[in-house]
N, C-alpha and C. Protein backbone atom coordinates (compact mmCIF):
# COMPACT_ATOMS: atom_id res chain seq x y z
N UNK A 1 -9.29 -6.08 7.47
CA UNK A 1 -9.62 -5.53 8.70
C UNK A 1 -9.69 -4.04 8.60
N UNK A 2 -10.75 -3.51 9.14
CA UNK A 2 -10.83 -2.03 9.15
C UNK A 2 -10.50 -1.53 10.58
N UNK A 3 -9.58 -0.61 10.67
CA UNK A 3 -9.14 -0.07 11.94
C UNK A 3 -9.34 1.39 11.97
N UNK A 4 -9.46 1.95 13.22
CA UNK A 4 -9.50 3.37 13.40
C UNK A 4 -8.08 3.84 13.50
N UNK A 5 -7.60 4.61 12.52
CA UNK A 5 -6.19 5.02 12.54
C UNK A 5 -5.81 6.03 13.63
N UNK A 6 -6.81 6.75 14.13
CA UNK A 6 -6.51 7.72 15.15
C UNK A 6 -6.50 7.04 16.54
N UNK A 7 -7.35 6.06 16.69
CA UNK A 7 -7.45 5.41 18.04
C UNK A 7 -6.68 4.10 18.06
N UNK A 8 -6.30 3.64 16.87
CA UNK A 8 -5.49 2.36 16.76
C UNK A 8 -6.28 1.15 17.31
N UNK A 9 -7.51 1.01 16.95
CA UNK A 9 -8.26 -0.19 17.34
C UNK A 9 -9.11 -0.68 16.16
N UNK A 10 -9.33 -1.98 16.18
CA UNK A 10 -10.16 -2.54 15.10
C UNK A 10 -11.59 -2.11 15.14
N UNK A 11 -12.17 -1.94 13.94
CA UNK A 11 -13.57 -1.55 13.88
C UNK A 11 -14.42 -2.70 13.37
N UNK A 12 -13.91 -3.33 12.31
CA UNK A 12 -14.68 -4.38 11.62
C UNK A 12 -13.77 -5.27 10.84
N UNK A 13 -14.22 -6.42 10.43
CA UNK A 13 -13.52 -7.33 9.58
C UNK A 13 -14.38 -7.73 8.36
N UNK A 14 -13.83 -7.55 7.20
CA UNK A 14 -14.56 -7.85 5.99
C UNK A 14 -13.96 -9.13 5.41
N UNK A 15 -14.86 -10.00 4.92
CA UNK A 15 -14.34 -11.25 4.36
C UNK A 15 -13.97 -11.04 2.91
N UNK A 16 -12.86 -11.61 2.52
CA UNK A 16 -12.40 -11.43 1.12
C UNK A 16 -11.68 -10.19 0.91
N UNK A 17 -11.27 -10.00 -0.39
CA UNK A 17 -10.44 -8.83 -0.80
C UNK A 17 -11.06 -8.23 -2.02
N UNK A 18 -12.44 -8.20 -2.13
CA UNK A 18 -13.13 -7.63 -3.21
C UNK A 18 -13.55 -6.17 -2.95
N UNK A 19 -13.72 -5.42 -4.05
CA UNK A 19 -14.19 -4.03 -3.95
C UNK A 19 -15.56 -3.85 -3.35
N UNK A 20 -16.48 -4.79 -3.73
CA UNK A 20 -17.94 -4.64 -3.35
C UNK A 20 -18.19 -4.54 -1.88
N UNK A 21 -17.71 -5.44 -1.07
CA UNK A 21 -17.91 -5.33 0.37
C UNK A 21 -17.30 -4.10 1.05
N UNK A 22 -16.18 -3.75 0.54
CA UNK A 22 -15.56 -2.50 1.10
C UNK A 22 -16.38 -1.30 0.70
N UNK A 23 -16.80 -1.17 -0.56
CA UNK A 23 -17.62 -0.05 -0.98
C UNK A 23 -18.93 0.00 -0.17
N UNK A 24 -19.52 -1.14 0.02
CA UNK A 24 -20.77 -1.17 0.79
C UNK A 24 -20.51 -0.75 2.25
N UNK A 25 -19.48 -1.20 2.90
CA UNK A 25 -19.19 -0.82 4.24
C UNK A 25 -18.92 0.71 4.37
N UNK A 26 -18.17 1.23 3.43
CA UNK A 26 -17.86 2.70 3.44
C UNK A 26 -19.10 3.47 3.17
N UNK A 27 -20.01 3.02 2.32
CA UNK A 27 -21.27 3.72 2.06
C UNK A 27 -22.13 3.70 3.31
N UNK A 28 -22.11 2.65 4.05
CA UNK A 28 -22.94 2.50 5.26
C UNK A 28 -22.31 3.32 6.42
N UNK A 29 -21.04 3.69 6.28
CA UNK A 29 -20.32 4.43 7.38
C UNK A 29 -19.76 5.75 6.69
N UNK A 30 -20.60 6.66 6.39
CA UNK A 30 -20.11 7.87 5.66
C UNK A 30 -19.20 8.71 6.54
N UNK A 31 -18.44 9.60 5.87
CA UNK A 31 -17.60 10.51 6.65
C UNK A 31 -16.14 10.22 6.63
N UNK A 32 -15.74 9.17 5.94
CA UNK A 32 -14.30 8.77 5.89
C UNK A 32 -13.63 9.87 5.12
N UNK A 33 -12.58 10.44 5.68
CA UNK A 33 -11.78 11.51 5.05
C UNK A 33 -10.49 10.94 4.46
N UNK A 34 -9.85 10.00 5.17
CA UNK A 34 -8.57 9.42 4.74
C UNK A 34 -8.71 7.92 4.85
N UNK A 35 -8.27 7.19 3.87
CA UNK A 35 -8.26 5.76 3.91
C UNK A 35 -6.83 5.28 3.60
N UNK A 36 -6.26 4.62 4.63
CA UNK A 36 -4.94 4.09 4.48
C UNK A 36 -5.11 2.62 4.13
N UNK A 37 -4.53 2.16 3.05
CA UNK A 37 -4.71 0.82 2.58
C UNK A 37 -3.47 0.24 1.94
N UNK A 38 -3.60 -1.06 1.63
CA UNK A 38 -2.40 -1.65 0.88
C UNK A 38 -2.69 -1.38 -0.62
N UNK A 39 -1.79 -1.86 -1.43
CA UNK A 39 -1.84 -1.48 -2.87
C UNK A 39 -2.79 -2.29 -3.71
N UNK A 40 -3.65 -3.10 -3.11
CA UNK A 40 -4.56 -3.95 -3.84
C UNK A 40 -5.52 -3.08 -4.68
N UNK A 41 -5.58 -3.42 -5.96
CA UNK A 41 -6.50 -2.68 -6.85
C UNK A 41 -7.94 -2.75 -6.45
N UNK A 42 -8.36 -3.90 -5.87
CA UNK A 42 -9.77 -3.98 -5.43
C UNK A 42 -10.05 -3.02 -4.27
N UNK A 43 -9.10 -2.77 -3.39
CA UNK A 43 -9.32 -1.86 -2.31
C UNK A 43 -9.40 -0.40 -2.82
N UNK A 44 -8.58 -0.09 -3.84
CA UNK A 44 -8.66 1.26 -4.45
C UNK A 44 -10.02 1.46 -5.06
N UNK A 45 -10.53 0.49 -5.77
CA UNK A 45 -11.81 0.56 -6.37
C UNK A 45 -12.94 0.70 -5.31
N UNK A 46 -12.88 -0.14 -4.30
CA UNK A 46 -13.80 -0.08 -3.19
C UNK A 46 -13.92 1.27 -2.56
N UNK A 47 -12.77 1.90 -2.33
CA UNK A 47 -12.74 3.24 -1.73
C UNK A 47 -13.32 4.28 -2.72
N UNK A 48 -12.96 4.16 -4.02
CA UNK A 48 -13.48 5.13 -4.98
C UNK A 48 -14.96 5.03 -5.06
N UNK A 49 -15.51 3.79 -4.91
CA UNK A 49 -17.02 3.67 -5.03
C UNK A 49 -17.65 4.03 -3.68
N UNK A 50 -17.11 3.60 -2.58
CA UNK A 50 -17.79 3.78 -1.30
C UNK A 50 -17.47 5.13 -0.61
N UNK A 51 -16.36 5.74 -0.86
CA UNK A 51 -15.96 7.00 -0.26
C UNK A 51 -15.19 7.77 -1.28
N UNK A 52 -15.86 8.33 -2.30
CA UNK A 52 -15.21 8.93 -3.44
C UNK A 52 -14.43 10.21 -3.08
N UNK A 53 -14.79 10.86 -2.02
CA UNK A 53 -14.10 12.08 -1.62
C UNK A 53 -12.92 11.83 -0.67
N UNK A 54 -12.78 10.58 -0.22
CA UNK A 54 -11.69 10.28 0.70
C UNK A 54 -10.37 10.26 0.02
N UNK A 55 -9.33 10.74 0.73
CA UNK A 55 -7.98 10.70 0.29
C UNK A 55 -7.47 9.23 0.53
N UNK A 56 -6.84 8.66 -0.45
CA UNK A 56 -6.30 7.26 -0.34
C UNK A 56 -4.79 7.39 -0.14
N UNK A 57 -4.30 6.67 0.87
CA UNK A 57 -2.85 6.74 1.14
C UNK A 57 -2.36 5.30 1.40
N UNK A 58 -1.13 5.07 1.09
CA UNK A 58 -0.52 3.73 1.42
C UNK A 58 -0.27 3.68 2.93
N UNK A 59 -0.54 2.53 3.49
CA UNK A 59 -0.25 2.38 4.97
C UNK A 59 1.23 2.30 5.18
N UNK A 60 1.68 2.56 6.42
CA UNK A 60 3.10 2.60 6.76
C UNK A 60 3.86 1.33 6.43
N UNK A 61 3.29 0.20 6.67
CA UNK A 61 3.97 -1.02 6.31
C UNK A 61 4.38 -1.12 4.90
N UNK A 62 3.38 -0.77 4.02
CA UNK A 62 3.69 -0.85 2.59
C UNK A 62 4.60 0.29 2.09
N UNK A 63 4.52 1.45 2.73
CA UNK A 63 5.52 2.50 2.36
C UNK A 63 6.93 2.06 2.74
N UNK A 64 7.10 1.54 3.95
CA UNK A 64 8.43 1.05 4.34
C UNK A 64 8.94 -0.11 3.49
N UNK A 65 7.98 -1.02 3.17
CA UNK A 65 8.42 -2.18 2.33
C UNK A 65 8.86 -1.66 0.95
N UNK A 66 8.06 -0.76 0.36
CA UNK A 66 8.43 -0.18 -0.95
C UNK A 66 9.72 0.52 -0.89
N UNK A 67 9.94 1.26 0.13
CA UNK A 67 11.23 2.07 0.29
C UNK A 67 12.38 1.06 0.44
N UNK A 68 12.22 -0.03 1.25
CA UNK A 68 13.26 -0.94 1.39
C UNK A 68 13.61 -1.62 0.10
N UNK A 69 12.60 -2.00 -0.65
CA UNK A 69 12.87 -2.65 -1.99
C UNK A 69 13.60 -1.72 -2.89
N UNK A 70 13.20 -0.38 -2.93
CA UNK A 70 13.88 0.55 -3.75
C UNK A 70 15.31 0.74 -3.40
N UNK A 71 15.57 0.83 -2.08
CA UNK A 71 16.98 1.01 -1.63
C UNK A 71 17.77 -0.23 -1.97
N UNK A 72 17.14 -1.41 -1.74
CA UNK A 72 17.86 -2.68 -2.06
C UNK A 72 18.25 -2.69 -3.55
N UNK A 73 17.33 -2.33 -4.36
CA UNK A 73 17.56 -2.31 -5.83
C UNK A 73 18.68 -1.33 -6.19
N UNK A 74 18.62 -0.17 -5.67
CA UNK A 74 19.63 0.88 -5.97
C UNK A 74 21.04 0.43 -5.48
N UNK A 75 21.07 0.01 -4.19
CA UNK A 75 22.36 -0.40 -3.66
C UNK A 75 22.89 -1.61 -4.43
N UNK A 76 22.05 -2.56 -4.74
CA UNK A 76 22.47 -3.80 -5.48
C UNK A 76 23.03 -3.39 -6.87
N UNK A 77 22.33 -2.51 -7.55
CA UNK A 77 22.81 -2.02 -8.84
C UNK A 77 24.14 -1.31 -8.75
N UNK A 78 24.30 -0.42 -7.69
CA UNK A 78 25.56 0.36 -7.54
C UNK A 78 26.73 -0.68 -7.23
N UNK A 79 26.49 -1.62 -6.36
CA UNK A 79 27.52 -2.59 -5.98
C UNK A 79 27.91 -3.44 -7.25
N UNK A 80 26.91 -3.86 -8.02
CA UNK A 80 27.25 -4.66 -9.20
C UNK A 80 28.05 -3.86 -10.15
N UNK A 81 27.73 -2.60 -10.38
CA UNK A 81 28.52 -1.79 -11.27
C UNK A 81 29.92 -1.60 -10.75
N UNK A 82 30.00 -1.38 -9.47
CA UNK A 82 31.40 -1.14 -8.86
C UNK A 82 32.22 -2.40 -9.07
N UNK A 83 31.63 -3.59 -8.81
CA UNK A 83 32.39 -4.81 -8.92
C UNK A 83 32.81 -5.06 -10.38
N UNK A 84 31.87 -4.72 -11.29
CA UNK A 84 32.20 -4.89 -12.75
C UNK A 84 33.31 -3.92 -13.17
N UNK A 85 33.34 -2.76 -12.59
CA UNK A 85 34.42 -1.83 -12.90
C UNK A 85 35.77 -2.28 -12.39
N UNK A 86 35.78 -2.93 -11.25
CA UNK A 86 37.04 -3.44 -10.65
C UNK A 86 37.48 -4.71 -11.33
N UNK A 87 36.55 -5.57 -11.71
CA UNK A 87 36.88 -6.88 -12.25
C UNK A 87 36.07 -7.07 -13.58
N UNK A 88 36.43 -6.39 -14.62
CA UNK A 88 35.70 -6.55 -15.90
C UNK A 88 35.76 -7.96 -16.42
N UNK A 89 34.75 -8.38 -17.10
CA UNK A 89 34.71 -9.70 -17.67
C UNK A 89 35.75 -9.82 -18.78
N UNK A 90 36.34 -10.96 -18.96
CA UNK A 90 37.39 -11.21 -19.96
C UNK A 90 36.70 -11.16 -21.38
N UNK A 91 37.39 -10.56 -22.35
CA UNK A 91 36.77 -10.42 -23.73
C UNK A 91 36.59 -11.78 -24.38
């Protein structure tokens, strides 16, 4: 789904997750300055081909999800270390 990030409304829906249709859509709609997208490689390629001068940024959902996973990993590692320090395994 292509949405207008400033006005927060849908513009178009592309079928599939391939680079070609996105590149074609962007070429037909010039002037994109910033493209917020998920981390799919096909989308990155589509933007590179269809709007090569546009800045690519991760959308908020994927930024928060990535941050949450990183925090979960860090906290989990710290807790595991702390538990191991308090209760070391028997030799």
